[in-house]
Amino acid sequence: MSFTAPHIGFVLASYGLSALVLVGLTLAIVWQARSTMTRLKDLEGRAAKRRKPAKQVKPQ
């Protein structure tokens, strides 16, 4: 890549925008995963206890 080309501003802006989008997506995924784990822990804490253990399936 030549830094003296007339379109270098467009190329660098495109790389910068792509990097921002990737960082934003990564942060959104991490935030969603933490939120999901929190909700699962809450649901597991409120779950009713089973009266009988579940049947175990024997492999054939």
PDB file of N, CA and C in Angstrom:
ATOM      1  N   MET A   1       0.843  -1.160   0.000  1.00  0.00           N
ATOM      2  CA  MET A   1       0.000   0.000   0.000  1.00  0.00           C
ATOM      3  C   MET A   1       0.901   1.241   0.000  1.00  0.00           C
ATOM      4  N   SER A   2       0.631   2.104  -0.922  1.00  0.00           N
ATOM      5  CA  SER A   2       1.410   3.322  -1.035  1.00  0.00           C
ATOM      6  C   SER A   2       0.716   4.453  -0.276  1.00  0.00           C
ATOM      7  N   PHE A   3       1.445   5.074   0.640  1.00  0.00           N
ATOM      8  CA  PHE A   3       0.854   6.159   1.413  1.00  0.00           C
ATOM      9  C   PHE A   3       0.842   7.486   0.663  1.00  0.00           C
ATOM     10  N   THR A   4       1.327   7.481  -0.571  1.00  0.00           N
ATOM     11  CA  THR A   4       1.307   8.704  -1.372  1.00  0.00           C
ATOM     12  C   THR A   4       0.176   8.691  -2.393  1.00  0.00           C
ATOM     13  N   ALA A   5      -0.610   7.618  -2.414  1.00  0.00           N
ATOM     14  CA  ALA A   5      -1.714   7.524  -3.368  1.00  0.00           C
ATOM     15  C   ALA A   5      -2.801   8.533  -2.990  1.00  0.00           C
ATOM     16  N   PRO A   6      -3.528   9.045  -3.990  1.00  0.00           N
ATOM     17  CA  PRO A   6      -4.545  10.066  -3.692  1.00  0.00           C
ATOM     18  C   PRO A   6      -5.742   9.522  -2.897  1.00  0.00           C
ATOM     19  N   HIS A   7      -5.946   8.229  -2.891  1.00  0.00           N
ATOM     20  CA  HIS A   7      -7.101   7.646  -2.205  1.00  0.00           C
ATOM     21  C   HIS A   7      -6.750   7.068  -0.832  1.00  0.00           C
ATOM     22  N   ILE A   8      -5.580   7.393  -0.299  1.00  0.00           N
ATOM     23  CA  ILE A   8      -5.140   6.816   0.964  1.00  0.00           C
ATOM     24  C   ILE A   8      -6.060   7.206   2.124  1.00  0.00           C
ATOM     25  N   GLY A   9      -6.635   8.391   2.074  1.00  0.00           N
ATOM     26  CA  GLY A   9      -7.562   8.819   3.121  1.00  0.00           C
ATOM     27  C   GLY A   9      -8.786   7.916   3.186  1.00  0.00           C
ATOM     28  N   PHE A  10      -9.297   7.569   2.008  1.00  0.00           N
ATOM     29  CA  PHE A  10     -10.452   6.671   1.955  1.00  0.00           C
ATOM     30  C   PHE A  10     -10.090   5.292   2.496  1.00  0.00           C
ATOM     31  N   VAL A  11      -8.933   4.791   2.141  1.00  0.00           N
ATOM     32  CA  VAL A  11      -8.506   3.462   2.585  1.00  0.00           C
ATOM     33  C   VAL A  11      -8.331   3.444   4.106  1.00  0.00           C
ATOM     34  N   LEU A  12      -7.646   4.432   4.654  1.00  0.00           N
ATOM     35  CA  LEU A  12      -7.436   4.477   6.102  1.00  0.00           C
ATOM     36  C   LEU A  12      -8.752   4.670   6.853  1.00  0.00           C
ATOM     37  N   ALA A  13      -9.639   5.490   6.313  1.00  0.00           N
ATOM     38  CA  ALA A  13     -10.953   5.671   6.942  1.00  0.00           C
ATOM     39  C   ALA A  13     -11.740   4.367   6.927  1.00  0.00           C
ATOM     40  N   SER A  14     -11.650   3.626   5.851  1.00  0.00           N
ATOM     41  CA  SER A  14     -12.346   2.341   5.759  1.00  0.00           C
ATOM     42  C   SER A  14     -11.793   1.346   6.771  1.00  0.00           C
ATOM     43  N   TYR A  15     -10.457   1.301   6.894  1.00  0.00           N
ATOM     44  CA  TYR A  15      -9.852   0.411   7.895  1.00  0.00           C
ATOM     45  C   TYR A  15     -10.274   0.826   9.308  1.00  0.00           C
ATOM     46  N   GLY A  16     -10.283   2.105   9.572  1.00  0.00           N
ATOM     47  CA  GLY A  16     -10.675   2.589  10.888  1.00  0.00           C
ATOM     48  C   GLY A  16     -12.124   2.258  11.213  1.00  0.00           C
ATOM     49  N   LEU A  17     -13.004   2.479  10.253  1.00  0.00           N
ATOM     50  CA  LEU A  17     -14.413   2.172  10.458  1.00  0.00           C
ATOM     51  C   LEU A  17     -14.619   0.673  10.664  1.00  0.00           C
ATOM     52  N   SER A  18     -13.915  -0.143   9.903  1.00  0.00           N
ATOM     53  CA  SER A  18     -14.012  -1.595  10.066  1.00  0.00           C
ATOM     54  C   SER A  18     -13.532  -2.019  11.444  1.00  0.00           C
ATOM     55  N   ALA A  19     -12.460  -1.433  11.917  1.00  0.00           N
ATOM     56  CA  ALA A  19     -11.947  -1.758  13.249  1.00  0.00           C
ATOM     57  C   ALA A  19     -12.954  -1.367  14.324  1.00  0.00           C
ATOM     58  N   LEU A  20     -13.583  -0.199  14.186  1.00  0.00           N
ATOM     59  CA  LEU A  20     -14.590   0.220  15.163  1.00  0.00           C
ATOM     60  C   LEU A  20     -15.795  -0.718  15.178  1.00  0.00           C
ATOM     61  N   VAL A  21     -16.226  -1.152  14.013  1.00  0.00           N
ATOM     62  CA  VAL A  21     -17.360  -2.074  13.928  1.00  0.00           C
ATOM     63  C   VAL A  21     -17.008  -3.406  14.586  1.00  0.00           C
ATOM     64  N   LEU A  22     -15.818  -3.913  14.327  1.00  0.00           N
ATOM     65  CA  LEU A  22     -15.407  -5.182  14.933  1.00  0.00           C
ATOM     66  C   LEU A  22     -15.304  -5.086  16.454  1.00  0.00           C
ATOM     67  N   VAL A  23     -14.755  -3.985  16.949  1.00  0.00           N
ATOM     68  CA  VAL A  23     -14.671  -3.790  18.397  1.00  0.00           C
ATOM     69  C   VAL A  23     -16.075  -3.684  18.991  1.00  0.00           C
ATOM     70  N   GLY A  24     -16.958  -2.967  18.325  1.00  0.00           N
ATOM     71  CA  GLY A  24     -18.331  -2.839  18.797  1.00  0.00           C
ATOM     72  C   GLY A  24     -19.059  -4.176  18.837  1.00  0.00           C
ATOM     73  N   LEU A  25     -18.888  -4.979  17.807  1.00  0.00           N
ATOM     74  CA  LEU A  25     -19.514  -6.305  17.783  1.00  0.00           C
ATOM     75  C   LEU A  25     -18.958  -7.200  18.881  1.00  0.00           C
ATOM     76  N   THR A  26     -17.666  -7.133  19.092  1.00  0.00           N
ATOM     77  CA  THR A  26     -17.046  -7.938  20.150  1.00  0.00           C
ATOM     78  C   THR A  26     -17.587  -7.538  21.517  1.00  0.00           C
ATOM     79  N   LEU A  27     -17.681  -6.244  21.771  1.00  0.00           N
ATOM     80  CA  LEU A  27     -18.223  -5.774  23.048  1.00  0.00           C
ATOM     81  C   LEU A  27     -19.681  -6.180  23.217  1.00  0.00           C
ATOM     82  N   ALA A  28     -20.463  -6.122  22.140  1.00  0.00           N
ATOM     83  CA  ALA A  28     -21.872  -6.524  22.212  1.00  0.00           C
ATOM     84  C   ALA A  28     -21.997  -8.008  22.538  1.00  0.00           C
ATOM     85  N   ILE A  29     -21.143  -8.835  21.965  1.00  0.00           N
ATOM     86  CA  ILE A  29     -21.178 -10.271  22.234  1.00  0.00           C
ATOM     87  C   ILE A  29     -20.812 -10.551  23.684  1.00  0.00           C
ATOM     88  N   VAL A  30     -19.778  -9.895  24.187  1.00  0.00           N
ATOM     89  CA  VAL A  30     -19.358 -10.091  25.582  1.00  0.00           C
ATOM     90  C   VAL A  30     -20.463  -9.633  26.521  1.00  0.00           C
ATOM     91  N   TRP A  31     -21.064  -8.493  26.245  1.00  0.00           N
ATOM     92  CA  TRP A  31     -22.148  -7.974  27.083  1.00  0.00           C
ATOM     93  C   TRP A  31     -23.337  -8.930  27.077  1.00  0.00           C
ATOM     94  N   GLN A  32     -23.701  -9.439  25.906  1.00  0.00           N
ATOM     95  CA  GLN A  32     -24.828 -10.367  25.797  1.00  0.00           C
ATOM     96  C   GLN A  32     -24.537 -11.669  26.542  1.00  0.00           C
ATOM     97  N   ALA A  33     -23.317 -12.173  26.456  1.00  0.00           N
ATOM     98  CA  ALA A  33     -22.955 -13.413  27.145  1.00  0.00           C
ATOM     99  C   ALA A  33     -23.044 -13.224  28.659  1.00  0.00           C
ATOM    100  N   ARG A  34     -22.562 -12.113  29.164  1.00  0.00           N
ATOM    101  CA  ARG A  34     -22.640 -11.844  30.606  1.00  0.00           C
ATOM    102  C   ARG A  34     -24.090 -11.719  31.055  1.00  0.00           C
ATOM    103  N   SER A  35     -24.894 -11.052  30.249  1.00  0.00           N
ATOM    104  CA  SER A  35     -26.309 -10.896  30.576  1.00  0.00           C
ATOM    105  C   SER A  35     -27.010 -12.256  30.600  1.00  0.00           C
ATOM    106  N   THR A  36     -26.706 -13.098  29.640  1.00  0.00           N
ATOM    107  CA  THR A  36     -27.301 -14.423  29.576  1.00  0.00           C
ATOM    108  C   THR A  36     -26.886 -15.269  30.764  1.00  0.00           C
ATOM    109  N   MET A  37     -25.618 -15.220  31.130  1.00  0.00           N
ATOM    110  CA  MET A  37     -25.147 -15.995  32.279  1.00  0.00           C
ATOM    111  C   MET A  37     -25.830 -15.519  33.570  1.00  0.00           C
ATOM    112  N   THR A  38     -26.004 -14.221  33.713  1.00  0.00           N
ATOM    113  CA  THR A  38     -26.681 -13.684  34.889  1.00  0.00           C
ATOM    114  C   THR A  38     -28.125 -14.173  34.947  1.00  0.00           C
ATOM    115  N   ARG A  39     -28.803 -14.141  33.809  1.00  0.00           N
ATOM    116  CA  ARG A  39     -30.195 -14.595  33.769  1.00  0.00           C
ATOM    117  C   ARG A  39     -30.295 -16.091  34.051  1.00  0.00           C
ATOM    118  N   LEU A  40     -29.372 -16.884  33.524  1.00  0.00           N
ATOM    119  CA  LEU A  40     -29.391 -18.317  33.782  1.00  0.00           C
ATOM    120  C   LEU A  40     -29.166 -18.621  35.256  1.00  0.00           C
ATOM    121  N   LYS A  41     -28.219 -17.935  35.880  1.00  0.00           N
ATOM    122  CA  LYS A  41     -27.976 -18.144  37.304  1.00  0.00           C
ATOM    123  C   LYS A  41     -29.212 -17.775  38.126  1.00  0.00           C
ATOM    124  N   ASP A  42     -29.879 -16.701  37.743  1.00  0.00           N
ATOM    125  CA  ASP A  42     -31.094 -16.293  38.434  1.00  0.00           C
ATOM    126  C   ASP A  42     -32.186 -17.353  38.275  1.00  0.00           C
ATOM    127  N   LEU A  43     -32.376 -17.858  37.074  1.00  0.00           N
ATOM    128  CA  LEU A  43     -33.387 -18.884  36.838  1.00  0.00           C
ATOM    129  C   LEU A  43     -33.063 -20.175  37.579  1.00  0.00           C
ATOM    130  N   GLU A  44     -31.797 -20.560  37.606  1.00  0.00           N
ATOM    131  CA  GLU A  44     -31.411 -21.761  38.329  1.00  0.00           C
ATOM    132  C   GLU A  44     -31.637 -21.586  39.825  1.00  0.00           C
ATOM    133  N   GLY A  45     -31.443 -20.407  40.332  1.00  0.00           N
ATOM    134  CA  GLY A  45     -31.656 -20.147  41.741  1.00  0.00           C
ATOM    135  C   GLY A  45     -33.129 -20.201  42.123  1.00  0.00           C
ATOM    136  N   ARG A  46     -34.011 -19.839  41.192  1.00  0.00           N
ATOM    137  CA  ARG A  46     -35.444 -19.842  41.471  1.00  0.00           C
ATOM    138  C   ARG A  46     -36.127 -21.143  41.072  1.00  0.00           C
ATOM    139  N   ALA A  47     -35.420 -22.052  40.471  1.00  0.00           N
ATOM    140  CA  ALA A  47     -36.032 -23.287  39.967  1.00  0.00           C
ATOM    141  C   ALA A  47     -36.520 -24.157  41.121  1.00  0.00           C
ATOM    142  N   ALA A  48     -37.645 -24.817  40.876  1.00  0.00           N
ATOM    143  CA  ALA A  48     -38.181 -25.743  41.874  1.00  0.00           C
ATOM    144  C   ALA A  48     -37.336 -27.002  41.870  1.00  0.00           C
ATOM    145  N   LYS A  49     -37.179 -27.579  43.045  1.00  0.00           N
ATOM    146  CA  LYS A  49     -36.399 -28.811  43.148  1.00  0.00           C
ATOM    147  C   LYS A  49     -37.248 -29.975  42.661  1.00  0.00           C
ATOM    148  N   ARG A  50     -36.611 -30.922  41.999  1.00  0.00           N
ATOM    149  CA  ARG A  50     -37.332 -32.096  41.496  1.00  0.00           C
ATOM    150  C   ARG A  50     -37.638 -33.053  42.630  1.00  0.00           C
ATOM    151  N   ARG A  51     -38.765 -33.736  42.506  1.00  0.00           N
ATOM    152  CA  ARG A  51     -39.126 -34.723  43.510  1.00  0.00           C
ATOM    153  C   ARG A  51     -38.370 -36.017  43.289  1.00  0.00           C
ATOM    154  N   LYS A  52     -38.246 -36.405  42.021  1.00  0.00           N
ATOM    155  CA  LYS A  52     -37.518 -37.641  41.688  1.00  0.00           C
ATOM    156  C   LYS A  52     -36.382 -37.264  40.736  1.00  0.00           C
ATOM    157  N   PRO A  53     -35.289 -37.964  40.848  1.00  0.00           N
ATOM    158  CA  PRO A  53     -34.242 -37.698  39.868  1.00  0.00           C
ATOM    159  C   PRO A  53     -34.685 -38.175  38.484  1.00  0.00           C
ATOM    160  N   ALA A  54     -34.190 -37.518  37.480  1.00  0.00           N
ATOM    161  CA  ALA A  54     -34.545 -37.886  36.110  1.00  0.00           C
ATOM    162  C   ALA A  54     -33.981 -39.260  35.788  1.00  0.00           C
ATOM    163  N   LYS A  55     -34.713 -39.980  34.931  1.00  0.00           N
ATOM    164  CA  LYS A  55     -34.225 -41.306  34.503  1.00  0.00           C
ATOM    165  C   LYS A  55     -33.010 -41.129  33.629  1.00  0.00           C
ATOM    166  N   GLN A  56     -32.071 -42.007  33.828  1.00  0.00           N
ATOM    167  CA  GLN A  56     -30.873 -41.972  33.001  1.00  0.00           C
ATOM    168  C   GLN A  56     -31.060 -42.938  31.843  1.00  0.00           C
ATOM    169  N   VAL A  57     -30.736 -42.490  30.671  1.00  0.00           N
ATOM    170  CA  VAL A  57     -30.866 -43.324  29.478  1.00  0.00           C
ATOM    171  C   VAL A  57     -29.602 -44.164  29.346  1.00  0.00           C
ATOM    172  N   LYS A  58     -29.811 -45.467  29.215  1.00  0.00           N
ATOM    173  CA  LYS A  58     -28.666 -46.359  29.061  1.00  0.00           C
ATOM    174  C   LYS A  58     -28.312 -46.469  27.582  1.00  0.00           C
ATOM    175  N   PRO A  59     -27.039 -46.367  27.250  1.00  0.00           N
ATOM    176  CA  PRO A  59     -26.635 -46.515  25.852  1.00  0.00           C
ATOM    177  C   PRO A  59     -26.828 -47.972  25.407  1.00  0.00           C
ATOM    178  N   GLN A  60     -27.207 -48.130  24.181  1.00  0.00           N
ATOM    179  CA  GLN A  60     -27.448 -49.485  23.656  1.00  0.00           C
ATOM    180  C   GLN A  60     -26.247 -50.040  22.968  1.00  0.00           C
TER     181      GLN A  60
END
